[in-house]
Amino acid sequence: MKLYEKFANDVERLIRQGVYRHGDRVPSVRQASQQHRISITTVLHAYLLLE
């Protein structure tokens, strides 16, 4: 599994757990990349998977 797929799965799990509710914003690409120590490109790929 690629890193962006793993990160997308993690974000999806947080959504299902209610950490992010309908209408909430997930962290910005830059913020997520800094928090998780992954590249901006990886976060972008993950967020595109979640659209």
N, C-alpha and C. Protein backbone atom coordinates (compact mmCIF):
# COMPACT_ATOMS: atom_id res chain seq x y z
N MET A 1 0.85 -1.17 0.00
CA MET A 1 0.00 0.00 0.00
C MET A 1 0.90 1.24 0.00
N LYS A 2 0.57 2.17 -0.84
CA LYS A 2 1.35 3.40 -0.94
C LYS A 2 1.02 4.33 0.23
N LEU A 3 1.94 5.22 0.54
CA LEU A 3 1.78 6.10 1.70
C LEU A 3 0.53 6.97 1.58
N TYR A 4 0.25 7.48 0.38
CA TYR A 4 -0.93 8.33 0.23
C TYR A 4 -2.22 7.53 0.45
N GLU A 5 -2.22 6.24 0.09
CA GLU A 5 -3.39 5.39 0.34
C GLU A 5 -3.56 5.15 1.84
N LYS A 6 -2.46 4.93 2.53
CA LYS A 6 -2.51 4.72 3.97
C LYS A 6 -3.02 5.98 4.67
N PHE A 7 -2.51 7.14 4.25
CA PHE A 7 -2.96 8.39 4.86
C PHE A 7 -4.44 8.63 4.56
N ALA A 8 -4.88 8.36 3.35
CA ALA A 8 -6.30 8.51 3.00
C ALA A 8 -7.16 7.59 3.86
N ASN A 9 -6.71 6.36 4.08
CA ASN A 9 -7.44 5.43 4.94
C ASN A 9 -7.51 5.95 6.37
N ASP A 10 -6.42 6.54 6.85
CA ASP A 10 -6.41 7.10 8.20
C ASP A 10 -7.41 8.24 8.33
N VAL A 11 -7.45 9.12 7.35
CA VAL A 11 -8.39 10.24 7.37
C VAL A 11 -9.82 9.72 7.29
N GLU A 12 -10.05 8.74 6.44
CA GLU A 12 -11.38 8.15 6.30
C GLU A 12 -11.83 7.52 7.63
N ARG A 13 -10.91 6.87 8.32
CA ARG A 13 -11.22 6.26 9.62
C ARG A 13 -11.61 7.34 10.63
N LEU A 14 -10.89 8.46 10.63
CA LEU A 14 -11.22 9.56 11.53
C LEU A 14 -12.60 10.13 11.23
N ILE A 15 -12.96 10.17 9.96
CA ILE A 15 -14.29 10.64 9.58
C ILE A 15 -15.35 9.68 10.11
N ARG A 16 -15.13 8.38 9.92
CA ARG A 16 -16.09 7.38 10.42
C ARG A 16 -16.21 7.40 11.94
N GLN A 17 -15.12 7.72 12.63
CA GLN A 17 -15.12 7.77 14.09
C GLN A 17 -15.74 9.06 14.62
N GLY A 18 -16.06 9.99 13.74
CA GLY A 18 -16.70 11.23 14.16
C GLY A 18 -15.74 12.34 14.54
N VAL A 19 -14.45 12.14 14.33
CA VAL A 19 -13.48 13.21 14.61
C VAL A 19 -13.76 14.38 13.68
N TYR A 20 -14.02 14.08 12.41
CA TYR A 20 -14.43 15.09 11.44
C TYR A 20 -15.88 14.79 11.08
N ARG A 21 -16.74 15.76 11.29
CA ARG A 21 -18.16 15.58 10.99
C ARG A 21 -18.49 16.24 9.65
N HIS A 22 -19.69 15.95 9.16
CA HIS A 22 -20.14 16.53 7.90
C HIS A 22 -20.05 18.05 7.98
N GLY A 23 -19.38 18.64 7.01
CA GLY A 23 -19.23 20.08 6.98
C GLY A 23 -17.95 20.59 7.62
N ASP A 24 -17.30 19.74 8.43
CA ASP A 24 -16.01 20.13 9.02
C ASP A 24 -14.94 20.14 7.95
N ARG A 25 -13.92 20.91 8.18
CA ARG A 25 -12.78 20.92 7.27
C ARG A 25 -11.70 20.02 7.84
N VAL A 26 -11.12 19.25 6.97
CA VAL A 26 -9.94 18.48 7.38
C VAL A 26 -8.76 19.45 7.39
N PRO A 27 -7.65 19.10 8.01
CA PRO A 27 -6.51 20.01 8.04
C PRO A 27 -6.06 20.38 6.62
N SER A 28 -5.52 21.58 6.49
CA SER A 28 -5.01 22.01 5.19
C SER A 28 -3.89 21.07 4.75
N VAL A 29 -3.59 21.11 3.48
CA VAL A 29 -2.54 20.25 2.94
C VAL A 29 -1.22 20.51 3.65
N ARG A 30 -0.88 21.76 3.81
CA ARG A 30 0.38 22.11 4.47
C ARG A 30 0.37 21.66 5.93
N GLN A 31 -0.73 21.92 6.62
CA GLN A 31 -0.84 21.54 8.03
C GLN A 31 -0.75 20.02 8.20
N ALA A 32 -1.45 19.28 7.36
CA ALA A 32 -1.42 17.82 7.44
C ALA A 32 -0.03 17.28 7.14
N SER A 33 0.64 17.89 6.17
CA SER A 33 1.98 17.40 5.83
C SER A 33 2.96 17.63 6.98
N GLN A 34 2.81 18.75 7.67
CA GLN A 34 3.69 19.03 8.81
C GLN A 34 3.36 18.13 10.00
N GLN A 35 2.07 17.95 10.29
CA GLN A 35 1.65 17.13 11.43
C GLN A 35 2.07 15.68 11.27
N HIS A 36 1.96 15.15 10.06
CA HIS A 36 2.21 13.73 9.83
C HIS A 36 3.59 13.46 9.23
N ARG A 37 4.33 14.56 9.02
CA ARG A 37 5.69 14.46 8.47
C ARG A 37 5.72 13.68 7.15
N ILE A 38 4.81 14.08 6.27
CA ILE A 38 4.76 13.52 4.92
C ILE A 38 4.76 14.69 3.94
N SER A 39 5.03 14.40 2.69
CA SER A 39 5.13 15.49 1.71
C SER A 39 3.75 16.05 1.37
N ILE A 40 3.77 17.28 0.89
CA ILE A 40 2.54 17.93 0.44
C ILE A 40 1.91 17.14 -0.69
N THR A 41 2.72 16.60 -1.58
CA THR A 41 2.22 15.79 -2.70
C THR A 41 1.48 14.56 -2.20
N THR A 42 1.99 13.94 -1.15
CA THR A 42 1.34 12.76 -0.58
C THR A 42 -0.03 13.13 -0.02
N VAL A 43 -0.11 14.25 0.68
CA VAL A 43 -1.39 14.71 1.22
C VAL A 43 -2.36 15.03 0.09
N LEU A 44 -1.87 15.70 -0.94
CA LEU A 44 -2.73 16.02 -2.09
C LEU A 44 -3.30 14.76 -2.73
N HIS A 45 -2.46 13.77 -2.95
CA HIS A 45 -2.94 12.51 -3.53
C HIS A 45 -4.00 11.87 -2.63
N ALA A 46 -3.76 11.88 -1.34
CA ALA A 46 -4.71 11.28 -0.40
C ALA A 46 -6.04 12.03 -0.43
N TYR A 47 -5.99 13.35 -0.39
CA TYR A 47 -7.22 14.13 -0.39
C TYR A 47 -7.99 13.94 -1.71
N LEU A 48 -7.28 13.78 -2.82
CA LEU A 48 -7.95 13.52 -4.09
C LEU A 48 -8.67 12.18 -4.06
N LEU A 49 -8.09 11.19 -3.40
CA LEU A 49 -8.75 9.90 -3.26
C LEU A 49 -10.05 10.01 -2.47
N LEU A 50 -10.07 10.92 -1.52
CA LEU A 50 -11.23 11.05 -0.62
C LEU A 50 -12.36 11.87 -1.22
N GLU A 51 -12.11 12.57 -2.32
CA GLU A 51 -13.17 13.40 -2.91
C GLU A 51 -14.32 12.58 -3.42
